[in-house]
Amino acid sequence: MTDAMDIGEVLDHLPHRYPFLLIDRIRTLEPGKRIVALKNVTINEPFFQGHFPQRPIMPGVLILEAMAQAAGILVFRTQGNKPDANSIYYLAGIDKARFKRPVVPGDQLEIEVMIERGLRGVWKFSCKAHVDGALVCEAEMLCSVSKAAEA
């Protein structure tokens, strides 16, 4: 099954909000397999004021964060649920991260995340980000999903 999601559905699957929500839309989602997410990069992003004013470049760590957010949506859809107030989704590790070219205002970041494996709440992903078909970043990620301890 291949699904698409609009921003309303993205908001249902992520706790992130402005200015830290880095997914605008889901183009393709195959639970248990892969997701293709979109991030429209605009000059209005708050990080461009300082990174760098003379040549705005999207910080690499935010490209990685966008990948992790896409992975989070994929995990929750794979599990057949949505996060609730007790859901904790952590980025647990990044390996083999490589940045191939800068991402600048006006670019549309296409993020593809594929599940490598999931075991006891820890998931491993293979991630790639493209702009206009050109690879801009790739990485392997580990994320964990758990429930917060109730007080």
N, C-alpha and C. Protein backbone atom coordinates (compact mmCIF):
# COMPACT_ATOMS: atom_id res chain seq x y z
N MET A 1 0.84 -1.18 0.00
CA MET A 1 0.00 0.00 0.00
C MET A 1 0.89 1.25 0.00
N THR A 2 0.60 2.20 -0.87
CA THR A 2 1.33 3.45 -0.95
C THR A 2 0.39 4.58 -0.58
N ASP A 3 0.79 5.37 0.40
CA ASP A 3 -0.03 6.48 0.88
C ASP A 3 0.69 7.79 0.66
N ALA A 4 -0.08 8.85 0.54
CA ALA A 4 0.43 10.21 0.58
C ALA A 4 -0.20 10.87 1.79
N MET A 5 0.46 11.88 2.34
CA MET A 5 -0.08 12.58 3.51
C MET A 5 0.09 14.08 3.31
N ASP A 6 -0.94 14.84 3.66
CA ASP A 6 -0.82 16.29 3.62
C ASP A 6 -0.30 16.79 4.96
N ILE A 7 -0.14 18.09 5.10
CA ILE A 7 0.44 18.66 6.30
C ILE A 7 -0.39 18.33 7.55
N GLY A 8 -1.70 18.28 7.43
CA GLY A 8 -2.54 17.93 8.58
C GLY A 8 -2.22 16.54 9.11
N GLU A 9 -2.04 15.59 8.22
CA GLU A 9 -1.69 14.23 8.64
C GLU A 9 -0.27 14.16 9.19
N VAL A 10 0.64 14.95 8.61
CA VAL A 10 2.01 15.02 9.14
C VAL A 10 1.96 15.50 10.59
N LEU A 11 1.19 16.54 10.86
CA LEU A 11 1.07 17.08 12.21
C LEU A 11 0.48 16.06 13.18
N ASP A 12 -0.38 15.17 12.69
CA ASP A 12 -0.94 14.10 13.53
C ASP A 12 0.10 13.06 13.93
N HIS A 13 1.19 12.97 13.15
CA HIS A 13 2.18 11.91 13.37
C HIS A 13 3.51 12.41 13.96
N LEU A 14 3.63 13.72 14.14
CA LEU A 14 4.85 14.28 14.73
C LEU A 14 4.49 15.29 15.82
N PRO A 15 5.24 15.32 16.90
CA PRO A 15 5.00 16.34 17.93
C PRO A 15 5.63 17.68 17.57
N HIS A 16 6.48 17.73 16.57
CA HIS A 16 7.20 18.94 16.21
C HIS A 16 6.26 20.01 15.65
N ARG A 17 6.58 21.25 15.94
CA ARG A 17 5.85 22.40 15.41
C ARG A 17 6.85 23.47 15.02
N TYR A 18 6.37 24.53 14.37
CA TYR A 18 7.24 25.62 13.96
C TYR A 18 8.00 26.13 15.17
N PRO A 19 9.29 26.38 15.04
CA PRO A 19 10.10 26.38 13.82
C PRO A 19 10.84 25.06 13.58
N PHE A 20 10.46 24.00 14.31
CA PHE A 20 11.23 22.77 14.20
C PHE A 20 10.57 21.66 13.40
N LEU A 21 9.40 21.89 12.86
CA LEU A 21 8.78 20.91 11.97
C LEU A 21 9.46 21.02 10.62
N LEU A 22 10.08 19.94 10.15
CA LEU A 22 10.88 19.98 8.92
C LEU A 22 10.33 19.09 7.82
N ILE A 23 9.08 18.68 7.95
CA ILE A 23 8.41 17.89 6.91
C ILE A 23 7.15 18.64 6.51
N ASP A 24 6.98 18.88 5.21
CA ASP A 24 5.80 19.58 4.71
C ASP A 24 4.74 18.63 4.15
N ARG A 25 5.19 17.50 3.63
CA ARG A 25 4.27 16.60 2.94
C ARG A 25 4.91 15.24 2.78
N ILE A 26 4.09 14.22 2.69
CA ILE A 26 4.57 12.86 2.38
C ILE A 26 4.08 12.52 0.98
N ARG A 27 5.03 12.24 0.12
CA ARG A 27 4.68 11.86 -1.26
C ARG A 27 4.32 10.38 -1.34
N THR A 28 5.12 9.54 -0.68
CA THR A 28 4.93 8.09 -0.73
C THR A 28 5.20 7.51 0.64
N LEU A 29 4.36 6.58 1.06
CA LEU A 29 4.58 5.88 2.31
C LEU A 29 4.18 4.42 2.13
N GLU A 30 5.13 3.54 2.34
CA GLU A 30 4.88 2.10 2.29
C GLU A 30 5.22 1.55 3.67
N PRO A 31 4.20 1.38 4.55
CA PRO A 31 4.48 0.90 5.90
C PRO A 31 5.36 -0.36 5.89
N GLY A 32 6.34 -0.36 6.78
CA GLY A 32 7.26 -1.48 6.87
C GLY A 32 8.40 -1.43 5.87
N LYS A 33 8.38 -0.43 4.96
CA LYS A 33 9.40 -0.37 3.91
C LYS A 33 10.06 1.00 3.80
N ARG A 34 9.31 1.99 3.30
CA ARG A 34 9.95 3.26 2.97
C ARG A 34 8.97 4.42 3.00
N ILE A 35 9.55 5.62 3.02
CA ILE A 35 8.78 6.85 2.97
C ILE A 35 9.55 7.84 2.12
N VAL A 36 8.82 8.67 1.39
CA VAL A 36 9.41 9.79 0.65
C VAL A 36 8.69 11.04 1.13
N ALA A 37 9.45 11.93 1.78
CA ALA A 37 8.90 13.14 2.36
C ALA A 37 9.47 14.36 1.66
N LEU A 38 8.74 15.48 1.74
CA LEU A 38 9.18 16.72 1.12
C LEU A 38 9.33 17.82 2.16
N LYS A 39 10.37 18.62 2.00
CA LYS A 39 10.60 19.83 2.79
C LYS A 39 10.88 20.94 1.81
N ASN A 40 10.00 21.96 1.80
CA ASN A 40 10.22 23.14 0.97
C ASN A 40 11.11 24.11 1.75
N VAL A 41 12.26 24.39 1.22
CA VAL A 41 13.24 25.24 1.90
C VAL A 41 13.03 26.67 1.42
N THR A 42 12.65 27.57 2.34
CA THR A 42 12.39 28.96 1.97
C THR A 42 13.33 29.89 2.73
N ILE A 43 13.51 31.08 2.21
CA ILE A 43 14.36 32.08 2.85
C ILE A 43 13.78 32.51 4.19
N ASN A 44 12.51 32.23 4.44
CA ASN A 44 11.86 32.59 5.70
C ASN A 44 12.24 31.68 6.86
N GLU A 45 13.01 30.64 6.63
CA GLU A 45 13.42 29.74 7.72
C GLU A 45 14.25 30.55 8.72
N PRO A 46 13.97 30.41 10.02
CA PRO A 46 14.68 31.23 11.00
C PRO A 46 16.19 31.00 11.05
N PHE A 47 16.66 29.82 10.69
CA PHE A 47 18.09 29.53 10.77
C PHE A 47 18.91 30.28 9.71
N PHE A 48 18.26 30.74 8.63
CA PHE A 48 19.00 31.43 7.59
C PHE A 48 19.53 32.80 8.03
N GLN A 49 18.96 33.37 9.09
CA GLN A 49 19.46 34.65 9.59
C GLN A 49 20.91 34.55 10.04
N GLY A 50 21.30 33.38 10.52
CA GLY A 50 22.66 33.24 11.03
C GLY A 50 23.49 32.20 10.31
N HIS A 51 22.93 31.50 9.31
CA HIS A 51 23.66 30.39 8.67
C HIS A 51 23.48 30.44 7.16
N PHE A 52 24.07 31.14 6.44
CA PHE A 52 24.91 32.30 6.70
C PHE A 52 24.26 33.46 6.00
N PRO A 53 24.22 34.67 6.60
CA PRO A 53 23.48 35.77 5.97
C PRO A 53 23.95 36.10 4.55
N GLN A 54 25.25 36.01 4.30
CA GLN A 54 25.76 36.35 2.97
C GLN A 54 25.57 35.22 1.96
N ARG A 55 25.39 33.98 2.42
CA ARG A 55 25.15 32.82 1.55
C ARG A 55 24.35 31.81 2.34
N PRO A 56 23.02 31.95 2.35
CA PRO A 56 22.18 31.07 3.17
C PRO A 56 22.31 29.60 2.77
N ILE A 57 22.62 28.76 3.75
CA ILE A 57 22.76 27.32 3.55
C ILE A 57 22.01 26.62 4.67
N MET A 58 21.19 25.62 4.33
CA MET A 58 20.49 24.84 5.35
C MET A 58 21.51 24.04 6.13
N PRO A 59 21.52 24.15 7.47
CA PRO A 59 22.48 23.38 8.27
C PRO A 59 22.31 21.88 8.06
N GLY A 60 23.45 21.19 7.92
CA GLY A 60 23.42 19.74 7.73
C GLY A 60 22.68 19.00 8.83
N VAL A 61 22.81 19.47 10.07
CA VAL A 61 22.12 18.80 11.17
C VAL A 61 20.62 18.88 11.01
N LEU A 62 20.12 19.93 10.35
CA LEU A 62 18.68 20.03 10.13
C LEU A 62 18.22 19.13 8.99
N ILE A 63 19.09 18.89 8.03
CA ILE A 63 18.77 17.88 6.99
C ILE A 63 18.66 16.52 7.66
N LEU A 64 19.58 16.20 8.55
CA LEU A 64 19.52 14.94 9.29
C LEU A 64 18.27 14.88 10.17
N GLU A 65 17.92 15.99 10.81
CA GLU A 65 16.69 16.03 11.61
C GLU A 65 15.45 15.79 10.75
N ALA A 66 15.42 16.35 9.55
CA ALA A 66 14.30 16.11 8.65
C ALA A 66 14.20 14.63 8.31
N MET A 67 15.35 13.99 8.10
CA MET A 67 15.36 12.54 7.84
C MET A 67 14.79 11.80 9.05
N ALA A 68 15.19 12.18 10.25
CA ALA A 68 14.71 11.52 11.47
C ALA A 68 13.20 11.72 11.63
N GLN A 69 12.70 12.91 11.30
CA GLN A 69 11.26 13.14 11.39
C GLN A 69 10.50 12.27 10.40
N ALA A 70 11.01 12.14 9.18
CA ALA A 70 10.38 11.26 8.20
C ALA A 70 10.40 9.82 8.70
N ALA A 71 11.52 9.41 9.29
CA ALA A 71 11.62 8.06 9.85
C ALA A 71 10.59 7.85 10.95
N GLY A 72 10.35 8.88 11.76
CA GLY A 72 9.36 8.77 12.83
C GLY A 72 7.96 8.51 12.28
N ILE A 73 7.59 9.24 11.24
CA ILE A 73 6.28 9.01 10.62
C ILE A 73 6.20 7.58 10.10
N LEU A 74 7.27 7.12 9.46
CA LEU A 74 7.30 5.76 8.92
C LEU A 74 7.12 4.73 10.03
N VAL A 75 7.79 4.92 11.16
CA VAL A 75 7.67 3.97 12.28
C VAL A 75 6.23 3.93 12.79
N PHE A 76 5.65 5.09 13.06
CA PHE A 76 4.30 5.10 13.61
C PHE A 76 3.29 4.50 12.63
N ARG A 77 3.44 4.79 11.35
CA ARG A 77 2.53 4.19 10.36
C ARG A 77 2.77 2.69 10.23
N THR A 78 4.02 2.26 10.35
CA THR A 78 4.33 0.83 10.30
C THR A 78 3.70 0.10 11.48
N GLN A 79 3.71 0.74 12.65
CA GLN A 79 3.12 0.14 13.85
C GLN A 79 1.60 0.28 13.86
N GLY A 80 1.06 1.07 12.94
CA GLY A 80 -0.38 1.23 12.85
C GLY A 80 -0.96 2.14 13.92
N ASN A 81 -0.14 3.08 14.42
CA ASN A 81 -0.65 3.99 15.44
C ASN A 81 -0.11 5.40 15.23
N LYS A 82 -0.53 6.29 16.12
CA LYS A 82 -0.04 7.67 16.11
C LYS A 82 0.58 7.93 17.48
N PRO A 83 1.54 8.84 17.54
CA PRO A 83 2.12 9.16 18.84
C PRO A 83 1.08 9.82 19.73
N ASP A 84 1.21 9.58 21.04
CA ASP A 84 0.37 10.26 22.01
C ASP A 84 1.26 11.02 22.98
N ALA A 85 0.68 11.58 24.02
CA ALA A 85 1.44 12.41 24.96
C ALA A 85 2.55 11.62 25.65
N ASN A 86 2.46 10.30 25.69
CA ASN A 86 3.48 9.48 26.35
C ASN A 86 4.49 8.88 25.38
N SER A 87 4.33 9.14 24.10
CA SER A 87 5.26 8.59 23.11
C SER A 87 6.56 9.37 23.11
N ILE A 88 7.67 8.63 23.15
CA ILE A 88 8.98 9.25 23.06
C ILE A 88 9.68 8.64 21.85
N TYR A 89 10.13 9.50 20.94
CA TYR A 89 10.82 9.07 19.73
C TYR A 89 12.16 9.78 19.69
N TYR A 90 13.23 9.03 19.90
CA TYR A 90 14.57 9.60 19.98
C TYR A 90 15.42 9.22 18.80
N LEU A 91 16.24 10.17 18.37
CA LEU A 91 17.32 9.88 17.44
C LEU A 91 18.44 9.28 18.29
N ALA A 92 18.80 8.05 18.02
CA ALA A 92 19.76 7.33 18.87
C ALA A 92 21.16 7.25 18.27
N GLY A 93 21.29 7.45 16.96
CA GLY A 93 22.61 7.39 16.36
C GLY A 93 22.58 7.74 14.89
N ILE A 94 23.70 8.28 14.43
CA ILE A 94 23.87 8.61 13.01
C ILE A 94 25.22 8.06 12.59
N ASP A 95 25.23 7.31 11.51
CA ASP A 95 26.47 6.77 10.96
C ASP A 95 26.55 7.11 9.48
N LYS A 96 27.77 7.20 9.00
CA LYS A 96 28.05 7.38 7.57
C LYS A 96 27.34 8.58 6.95
N ALA A 97 27.18 9.66 7.73
CA ALA A 97 26.55 10.87 7.19
C ALA A 97 27.52 11.56 6.23
N ARG A 98 27.03 11.87 5.06
CA ARG A 98 27.83 12.55 4.05
C ARG A 98 26.97 13.63 3.40
N PHE A 99 27.57 14.81 3.22
CA PHE A 99 26.89 15.93 2.60
C PHE A 99 27.56 16.19 1.26
N LYS A 100 26.77 16.15 0.19
CA LYS A 100 27.31 16.22 -1.17
C LYS A 100 27.28 17.62 -1.77
N ARG A 101 26.28 18.42 -1.39
CA ARG A 101 26.20 19.79 -1.87
C ARG A 101 25.27 20.58 -0.96
N PRO A 102 25.41 21.92 -0.93
CA PRO A 102 24.57 22.73 -0.06
C PRO A 102 23.10 22.71 -0.48
N VAL A 103 22.22 22.87 0.51
CA VAL A 103 20.79 23.05 0.29
C VAL A 103 20.51 24.51 0.60
N VAL A 104 19.87 25.21 -0.35
CA VAL A 104 19.69 26.65 -0.25
C VAL A 104 18.21 27.02 -0.41
N PRO A 105 17.86 28.26 -0.03
CA PRO A 105 16.46 28.69 -0.21
C PRO A 105 16.00 28.49 -1.65
N GLY A 106 14.77 28.01 -1.78
CA GLY A 106 14.20 27.72 -3.09
C GLY A 106 14.27 26.24 -3.44
N ASP A 107 15.13 25.50 -2.74
CA ASP A 107 15.23 24.05 -2.99
C ASP A 107 14.04 23.32 -2.38
N GLN A 108 13.68 22.21 -2.99
CA GLN A 108 12.73 21.28 -2.38
C GLN A 108 13.52 20.03 -2.06
N LEU A 109 13.61 19.74 -0.77
CA LEU A 109 14.34 18.58 -0.29
C LEU A 109 13.42 17.37 -0.36
N GLU A 110 13.83 16.36 -1.10
CA GLU A 110 13.09 15.10 -1.18
C GLU A 110 13.85 14.08 -0.34
N ILE A 111 13.22 13.60 0.71
CA ILE A 111 13.86 12.73 1.69
C ILE A 111 13.30 11.33 1.56
N GLU A 112 14.19 10.37 1.32
CA GLU A 112 13.77 8.97 1.24
C GLU A 112 14.40 8.22 2.41
N VAL A 113 13.55 7.55 3.17
CA VAL A 113 14.00 6.76 4.32
C VAL A 113 13.50 5.34 4.14
N MET A 114 14.41 4.39 4.28
CA MET A 114 14.05 2.97 4.15
C MET A 114 14.39 2.25 5.44
N ILE A 115 13.46 1.41 5.89
CA ILE A 115 13.70 0.62 7.09
C ILE A 115 14.68 -0.50 6.75
N GLU A 116 15.75 -0.58 7.53
CA GLU A 116 16.69 -1.71 7.43
C GLU A 116 16.26 -2.82 8.38
N ARG A 117 15.88 -2.41 9.61
CA ARG A 117 15.36 -3.39 10.58
C ARG A 117 14.76 -2.66 11.77
N GLY A 118 13.90 -3.36 12.48
CA GLY A 118 13.31 -2.85 13.71
C GLY A 118 13.22 -3.99 14.71
N LEU A 119 13.71 -3.74 15.93
CA LEU A 119 13.71 -4.79 16.96
C LEU A 119 13.58 -4.14 18.33
N ARG A 120 12.58 -4.53 19.08
CA ARG A 120 12.33 -4.06 20.45
C ARG A 120 12.39 -2.54 20.57
N GLY A 121 11.73 -1.87 19.66
CA GLY A 121 11.63 -0.42 19.75
C GLY A 121 12.81 0.35 19.19
N VAL A 122 13.82 -0.34 18.66
CA VAL A 122 14.96 0.33 18.04
C VAL A 122 14.92 0.02 16.54
N TRP A 123 15.01 1.08 15.76
CA TRP A 123 14.88 0.97 14.31
C TRP A 123 16.13 1.49 13.62
N LYS A 124 16.55 0.81 12.57
CA LYS A 124 17.68 1.26 11.77
C LYS A 124 17.16 1.63 10.38
N PHE A 125 17.66 2.78 9.88
CA PHE A 125 17.20 3.31 8.61
C PHE A 125 18.36 3.66 7.69
N SER A 126 18.11 3.56 6.41
CA SER A 126 18.99 4.08 5.38
C SER A 126 18.29 5.30 4.81
N CYS A 127 18.98 6.45 4.79
CA CYS A 127 18.35 7.71 4.42
C CYS A 127 19.12 8.42 3.31
N LYS A 128 18.36 9.05 2.42
CA LYS A 128 18.96 9.87 1.37
C LYS A 128 18.09 11.10 1.17
N ALA A 129 18.74 12.21 0.86
CA ALA A 129 18.02 13.45 0.53
C ALA A 129 18.51 13.93 -0.83
N HIS A 130 17.56 14.34 -1.66
CA HIS A 130 17.86 14.82 -3.01
C HIS A 130 17.24 16.19 -3.23
N VAL A 131 17.84 16.97 -4.09
CA VAL A 131 17.26 18.20 -4.62
C VAL A 131 17.36 18.11 -6.13
N ASP A 132 16.23 18.22 -6.80
CA ASP A 132 16.17 18.11 -8.26
C ASP A 132 16.87 16.85 -8.77
N GLY A 133 16.70 15.76 -8.05
CA GLY A 133 17.28 14.48 -8.45
C GLY A 133 18.73 14.28 -8.07
N ALA A 134 19.40 15.32 -7.57
CA ALA A 134 20.81 15.21 -7.18
C ALA A 134 20.92 14.90 -5.69
N LEU A 135 21.75 13.93 -5.36
CA LEU A 135 21.96 13.55 -3.97
C LEU A 135 22.64 14.70 -3.22
N VAL A 136 22.05 15.12 -2.09
CA VAL A 136 22.66 16.17 -1.27
C VAL A 136 23.13 15.65 0.08
N CYS A 137 22.55 14.54 0.56
CA CYS A 137 22.94 13.99 1.85
C CYS A 137 22.51 12.53 1.92
N GLU A 138 23.33 11.74 2.61
CA GLU A 138 22.96 10.36 2.89
C GLU A 138 23.48 10.00 4.28
N ALA A 139 22.78 9.07 4.94
CA ALA A 139 23.17 8.67 6.29
C ALA A 139 22.45 7.39 6.67
N GLU A 140 23.00 6.72 7.67
CA GLU A 140 22.31 5.63 8.36
C GLU A 140 21.91 6.16 9.72
N MET A 141 20.71 5.80 10.18
CA MET A 141 20.21 6.31 11.46
C MET A 141 19.65 5.19 12.32
N LEU A 142 19.78 5.39 13.62
CA LEU A 142 19.10 4.57 14.61
C LEU A 142 18.15 5.46 15.37
N CYS A 143 16.92 5.01 15.56
CA CYS A 143 15.93 5.74 16.34
C CYS A 143 15.26 4.75 17.29
N SER A 144 14.81 5.26 18.43
CA SER A 144 14.11 4.39 19.37
C SER A 144 12.75 4.99 19.69
N VAL A 145 11.81 4.09 19.91
CA VAL A 145 10.44 4.47 20.25
C VAL A 145 10.10 3.81 21.57
N SER A 146 9.58 4.61 22.51
CA SER A 146 9.18 4.04 23.79
C SER A 146 8.07 4.91 24.38
N LYS A 147 7.58 4.50 25.52
CA LYS A 147 6.58 5.26 26.26
C LYS A 147 7.25 5.92 27.45
N ALA A 148 6.88 7.16 27.70
CA ALA A 148 7.43 7.87 28.85
C ALA A 148 6.87 7.24 30.12
N ALA A 149 7.68 7.24 31.18
CA ALA A 149 7.21 6.74 32.47
C ALA A 149 6.14 7.68 32.98
N GLU A 150 5.03 7.11 33.41
CA GLU A 150 3.94 7.94 33.92
C GLU A 150 4.19 8.26 35.38
N ALA A 151 3.99 9.54 35.72
CA ALA A 151 4.24 9.99 37.10
C ALA A 151 3.05 9.75 37.99
